[in-house]
Amino acid sequence: MTGSTISSEKLDPRRRKLLFRAWHRGIKEMDLILGGYADAFIATMPDGDLDEFEMLLETSDRDLVKWFTNEEAVPDTADTLLFRQIQAHALALRA
């Protein structure tokens, strides 16, 4: 079980791969944050956002946890609109 709430059957191969990677991070919190966001938006993400999301998935879980929990400042290279949307989505789910 991936944790994903959507079927990847109708997604193109790139989106399928990104959805899988978002749900298989290694740290459960990152699975929930990135996988949850991917479930909600991967099917309709424009190519530019997919590029950014793919780059974000290359980032270590340790760094991402620090950034998402505000333990460390998000570096300028990662402090993008997409990152802030993912963070807002995760906070909204907690509310």
N, C-alpha and C. Protein backbone atom coordinates (compact mmCIF):
# COMPACT_ATOMS: atom_id res chain seq x y z
N MET A 1 0.84 -1.20 0.00
CA MET A 1 0.00 0.00 0.00
C MET A 1 0.88 1.24 0.00
N THR A 2 0.56 2.17 -0.86
CA THR A 2 1.37 3.38 -0.98
C THR A 2 0.93 4.48 -0.04
N GLY A 3 -0.31 4.48 0.38
CA GLY A 3 -0.85 5.59 1.15
C GLY A 3 -1.63 6.52 0.25
N SER A 4 -1.40 6.43 -1.03
CA SER A 4 -2.08 7.30 -1.99
C SER A 4 -3.58 7.01 -1.98
N THR A 5 -4.33 8.08 -2.16
CA THR A 5 -5.79 7.94 -2.20
C THR A 5 -6.32 8.01 -3.62
N ILE A 6 -5.43 8.13 -4.59
CA ILE A 6 -5.87 8.19 -5.98
C ILE A 6 -5.28 7.05 -6.78
N SER A 7 -5.90 6.75 -7.88
CA SER A 7 -5.36 5.73 -8.78
C SER A 7 -4.43 6.41 -9.78
N SER A 8 -3.30 5.78 -10.02
CA SER A 8 -2.36 6.35 -10.99
C SER A 8 -2.65 5.85 -12.40
N GLU A 9 -3.67 5.04 -12.54
CA GLU A 9 -4.00 4.40 -13.81
C GLU A 9 -4.14 5.39 -14.97
N LYS A 10 -4.76 6.55 -14.73
CA LYS A 10 -5.01 7.50 -15.81
C LYS A 10 -3.92 8.56 -15.94
N LEU A 11 -2.88 8.45 -15.12
CA LEU A 11 -1.80 9.44 -15.17
C LEU A 11 -0.77 9.03 -16.21
N ASP A 12 -0.12 10.02 -16.80
CA ASP A 12 0.97 9.73 -17.74
C ASP A 12 2.16 9.19 -16.93
N PRO A 13 3.11 8.56 -17.60
CA PRO A 13 4.23 7.92 -16.89
C PRO A 13 5.00 8.85 -15.95
N ARG A 14 5.22 10.08 -16.37
CA ARG A 14 5.97 11.01 -15.52
C ARG A 14 5.21 11.29 -14.23
N ARG A 15 3.93 11.57 -14.33
CA ARG A 15 3.12 11.83 -13.14
C ARG A 15 3.03 10.60 -12.25
N ARG A 16 2.92 9.44 -12.85
CA ARG A 16 2.88 8.18 -12.09
C ARG A 16 4.16 8.02 -11.26
N LYS A 17 5.29 8.28 -11.90
CA LYS A 17 6.58 8.16 -11.22
C LYS A 17 6.69 9.16 -10.07
N LEU A 18 6.28 10.41 -10.31
CA LEU A 18 6.36 11.43 -9.27
C LEU A 18 5.42 11.11 -8.11
N LEU A 19 4.24 10.60 -8.41
CA LEU A 19 3.30 10.22 -7.36
C LEU A 19 3.91 9.11 -6.49
N PHE A 20 4.50 8.12 -7.13
CA PHE A 20 5.14 7.03 -6.39
C PHE A 20 6.26 7.58 -5.51
N ARG A 21 7.11 8.42 -6.08
CA ARG A 21 8.25 8.97 -5.32
C ARG A 21 7.79 9.84 -4.17
N ALA A 22 6.68 10.55 -4.34
CA ALA A 22 6.16 11.40 -3.27
C ALA A 22 5.68 10.57 -2.09
N TRP A 23 5.19 9.37 -2.36
CA TRP A 23 4.67 8.50 -1.30
C TRP A 23 5.71 7.53 -0.74
N HIS A 24 6.90 7.50 -1.30
CA HIS A 24 7.94 6.58 -0.85
C HIS A 24 9.22 7.35 -0.54
N ARG A 25 9.15 8.17 0.48
CA ARG A 25 10.25 9.06 0.82
C ARG A 25 11.26 8.42 1.77
N GLY A 26 10.77 7.70 2.75
CA GLY A 26 11.66 7.17 3.78
C GLY A 26 11.28 7.71 5.15
N ILE A 27 10.77 8.91 5.20
CA ILE A 27 10.25 9.49 6.44
C ILE A 27 8.75 9.66 6.25
N LYS A 28 7.98 9.05 7.12
CA LYS A 28 6.52 9.02 6.97
C LYS A 28 5.93 10.43 6.87
N GLU A 29 6.46 11.37 7.63
CA GLU A 29 5.94 12.74 7.57
C GLU A 29 6.06 13.33 6.17
N MET A 30 7.17 13.02 5.50
CA MET A 30 7.35 13.52 4.14
C MET A 30 6.44 12.79 3.17
N ASP A 31 6.20 11.50 3.42
CA ASP A 31 5.21 10.77 2.62
C ASP A 31 3.86 11.47 2.69
N LEU A 32 3.46 11.82 3.90
CA LEU A 32 2.15 12.43 4.10
C LEU A 32 2.07 13.83 3.49
N ILE A 33 3.12 14.62 3.66
CA ILE A 33 3.10 15.98 3.12
C ILE A 33 3.18 15.97 1.60
N LEU A 34 4.23 15.33 1.07
CA LEU A 34 4.43 15.35 -0.39
C LEU A 34 3.45 14.45 -1.11
N GLY A 35 3.17 13.28 -0.55
CA GLY A 35 2.21 12.37 -1.16
C GLY A 35 0.80 12.93 -1.13
N GLY A 36 0.45 13.55 -0.01
CA GLY A 36 -0.88 14.16 0.09
C GLY A 36 -1.07 15.28 -0.92
N TYR A 37 -0.02 16.08 -1.08
CA TYR A 37 -0.09 17.16 -2.08
C TYR A 37 -0.19 16.57 -3.48
N ALA A 38 0.62 15.57 -3.75
CA ALA A 38 0.59 14.93 -5.07
C ALA A 38 -0.79 14.34 -5.36
N ASP A 39 -1.37 13.67 -4.38
CA ASP A 39 -2.72 13.11 -4.57
C ASP A 39 -3.70 14.20 -5.02
N ALA A 40 -3.59 15.35 -4.38
CA ALA A 40 -4.55 16.43 -4.65
C ALA A 40 -4.30 17.14 -5.98
N PHE A 41 -3.04 17.23 -6.41
CA PHE A 41 -2.74 18.14 -7.52
C PHE A 41 -1.95 17.56 -8.70
N ILE A 42 -1.39 16.36 -8.58
CA ILE A 42 -0.49 15.84 -9.62
C ILE A 42 -1.16 15.75 -10.98
N ALA A 43 -2.43 15.41 -11.01
CA ALA A 43 -3.12 15.21 -12.30
C ALA A 43 -3.25 16.50 -13.10
N THR A 44 -3.26 17.64 -12.42
CA THR A 44 -3.48 18.91 -13.11
C THR A 44 -2.29 19.86 -13.06
N MET A 45 -1.17 19.40 -12.52
CA MET A 45 0.01 20.27 -12.43
C MET A 45 0.55 20.60 -13.81
N PRO A 46 0.81 21.87 -14.06
CA PRO A 46 1.47 22.23 -15.33
C PRO A 46 2.92 21.73 -15.33
N ASP A 47 3.50 21.62 -16.51
CA ASP A 47 4.86 21.09 -16.65
C ASP A 47 5.88 21.82 -15.79
N GLY A 48 5.77 23.13 -15.68
CA GLY A 48 6.72 23.89 -14.86
C GLY A 48 6.66 23.49 -13.40
N ASP A 49 5.45 23.26 -12.89
CA ASP A 49 5.30 22.81 -11.51
C ASP A 49 5.80 21.38 -11.35
N LEU A 50 5.59 20.55 -12.37
CA LEU A 50 6.12 19.19 -12.31
C LEU A 50 7.64 19.21 -12.23
N ASP A 51 8.27 20.11 -12.99
CA ASP A 51 9.72 20.24 -12.94
C ASP A 51 10.17 20.61 -11.53
N GLU A 52 9.50 21.59 -10.93
CA GLU A 52 9.83 22.04 -9.57
C GLU A 52 9.59 20.93 -8.56
N PHE A 53 8.46 20.24 -8.69
CA PHE A 53 8.12 19.16 -7.78
C PHE A 53 9.18 18.05 -7.86
N GLU A 54 9.60 17.75 -9.07
CA GLU A 54 10.63 16.74 -9.27
C GLU A 54 11.93 17.15 -8.58
N MET A 55 12.32 18.41 -8.70
CA MET A 55 13.53 18.91 -8.04
C MET A 55 13.37 18.82 -6.52
N LEU A 56 12.18 19.16 -6.03
CA LEU A 56 11.93 19.09 -4.59
C LEU A 56 12.05 17.65 -4.09
N LEU A 57 11.60 16.70 -4.88
CA LEU A 57 11.70 15.30 -4.50
C LEU A 57 13.14 14.81 -4.45
N GLU A 58 14.06 15.53 -5.07
CA GLU A 58 15.49 15.19 -5.03
C GLU A 58 16.13 15.66 -3.72
N THR A 59 15.44 16.50 -2.98
CA THR A 59 15.95 17.06 -1.74
C THR A 59 15.86 16.01 -0.63
N SER A 60 16.83 16.01 0.26
CA SER A 60 16.82 15.03 1.35
C SER A 60 15.64 15.28 2.29
N ASP A 61 15.13 14.19 2.84
CA ASP A 61 14.04 14.30 3.80
C ASP A 61 14.43 15.13 5.02
N ARG A 62 15.65 14.98 5.46
CA ARG A 62 16.11 15.75 6.63
C ARG A 62 15.99 17.25 6.40
N ASP A 63 16.40 17.70 5.22
CA ASP A 63 16.28 19.12 4.91
C ASP A 63 14.82 19.53 4.81
N LEU A 64 14.04 18.72 4.12
CA LEU A 64 12.62 19.05 3.96
C LEU A 64 11.89 19.16 5.29
N VAL A 65 12.16 18.23 6.19
CA VAL A 65 11.52 18.28 7.52
C VAL A 65 11.87 19.58 8.22
N LYS A 66 13.13 19.95 8.19
CA LYS A 66 13.57 21.20 8.83
C LYS A 66 12.87 22.41 8.22
N TRP A 67 12.70 22.40 6.90
CA TRP A 67 12.07 23.53 6.23
C TRP A 67 10.58 23.58 6.50
N PHE A 68 9.92 22.43 6.42
CA PHE A 68 8.47 22.39 6.63
C PHE A 68 8.09 22.69 8.07
N THR A 69 8.97 22.39 9.03
CA THR A 69 8.68 22.65 10.43
C THR A 69 9.25 24.00 10.89
N ASN A 70 9.84 24.73 9.98
CA ASN A 70 10.46 26.03 10.28
C ASN A 70 11.61 25.92 11.28
N GLU A 71 12.21 24.73 11.36
CA GLU A 71 13.39 24.55 12.20
C GLU A 71 14.59 25.26 11.57
N GLU A 72 14.58 25.32 10.25
CA GLU A 72 15.60 26.02 9.47
C GLU A 72 14.92 26.85 8.41
N ALA A 73 15.55 27.96 8.06
CA ALA A 73 15.01 28.79 6.98
C ALA A 73 15.11 28.04 5.65
N VAL A 74 14.10 28.21 4.84
CA VAL A 74 14.09 27.60 3.52
C VAL A 74 15.06 28.38 2.64
N PRO A 75 16.02 27.72 2.00
CA PRO A 75 16.95 28.45 1.13
C PRO A 75 16.20 29.08 -0.05
N ASP A 76 16.74 30.16 -0.54
CA ASP A 76 16.10 30.88 -1.65
C ASP A 76 15.81 29.96 -2.84
N THR A 77 16.69 29.01 -3.10
CA THR A 77 16.50 28.13 -4.24
C THR A 77 15.28 27.23 -4.09
N ALA A 78 14.87 26.96 -2.86
CA ALA A 78 13.71 26.09 -2.61
C ALA A 78 12.47 26.87 -2.19
N ASP A 79 12.64 28.13 -1.84
CA ASP A 79 11.52 28.95 -1.37
C ASP A 79 10.72 29.47 -2.56
N THR A 80 9.97 28.57 -3.14
CA THR A 80 9.20 28.88 -4.34
C THR A 80 7.71 28.91 -4.02
N LEU A 81 6.94 29.37 -4.96
CA LEU A 81 5.49 29.36 -4.79
C LEU A 81 5.00 27.93 -4.57
N LEU A 82 5.54 26.97 -5.31
CA LEU A 82 5.12 25.58 -5.15
C LEU A 82 5.42 25.08 -3.74
N PHE A 83 6.61 25.37 -3.22
CA PHE A 83 6.95 24.94 -1.85
C PHE A 83 5.94 25.53 -0.87
N ARG A 84 5.64 26.81 -1.00
CA ARG A 84 4.69 27.45 -0.08
C ARG A 84 3.28 26.87 -0.23
N GLN A 85 2.90 26.47 -1.45
CA GLN A 85 1.60 25.83 -1.66
C GLN A 85 1.56 24.47 -0.98
N ILE A 86 2.63 23.72 -1.08
CA ILE A 86 2.70 22.41 -0.42
C ILE A 86 2.62 22.59 1.10
N GLN A 87 3.35 23.57 1.61
CA GLN A 87 3.33 23.85 3.05
C GLN A 87 1.93 24.26 3.51
N ALA A 88 1.27 25.12 2.75
CA ALA A 88 -0.08 25.56 3.10
C ALA A 88 -1.07 24.39 3.04
N HIS A 89 -0.90 23.53 2.06
CA HIS A 89 -1.78 22.36 1.94
C HIS A 89 -1.62 21.44 3.15
N ALA A 90 -0.38 21.23 3.56
CA ALA A 90 -0.13 20.38 4.73
C ALA A 90 -0.71 20.99 6.01
N LEU A 91 -0.58 22.30 6.16
CA LEU A 91 -1.14 22.97 7.34
C LEU A 91 -2.66 22.93 7.34
N ALA A 92 -3.26 23.07 6.16
CA ALA A 92 -4.72 23.03 6.06
C ALA A 92 -5.26 21.64 6.45
N LEU A 93 -4.53 20.60 6.15
CA LEU A 93 -4.96 19.26 6.50
C LEU A 93 -4.92 19.02 8.00
N ARG A 94 -4.02 19.74 8.67
CA ARG A 94 -3.89 19.59 10.13
C ARG A 94 -4.98 20.33 10.87
N ALA A 95 -5.55 21.34 10.24
CA ALA A 95 -6.55 22.18 10.91
C ALA A 95 -7.88 21.49 11.09
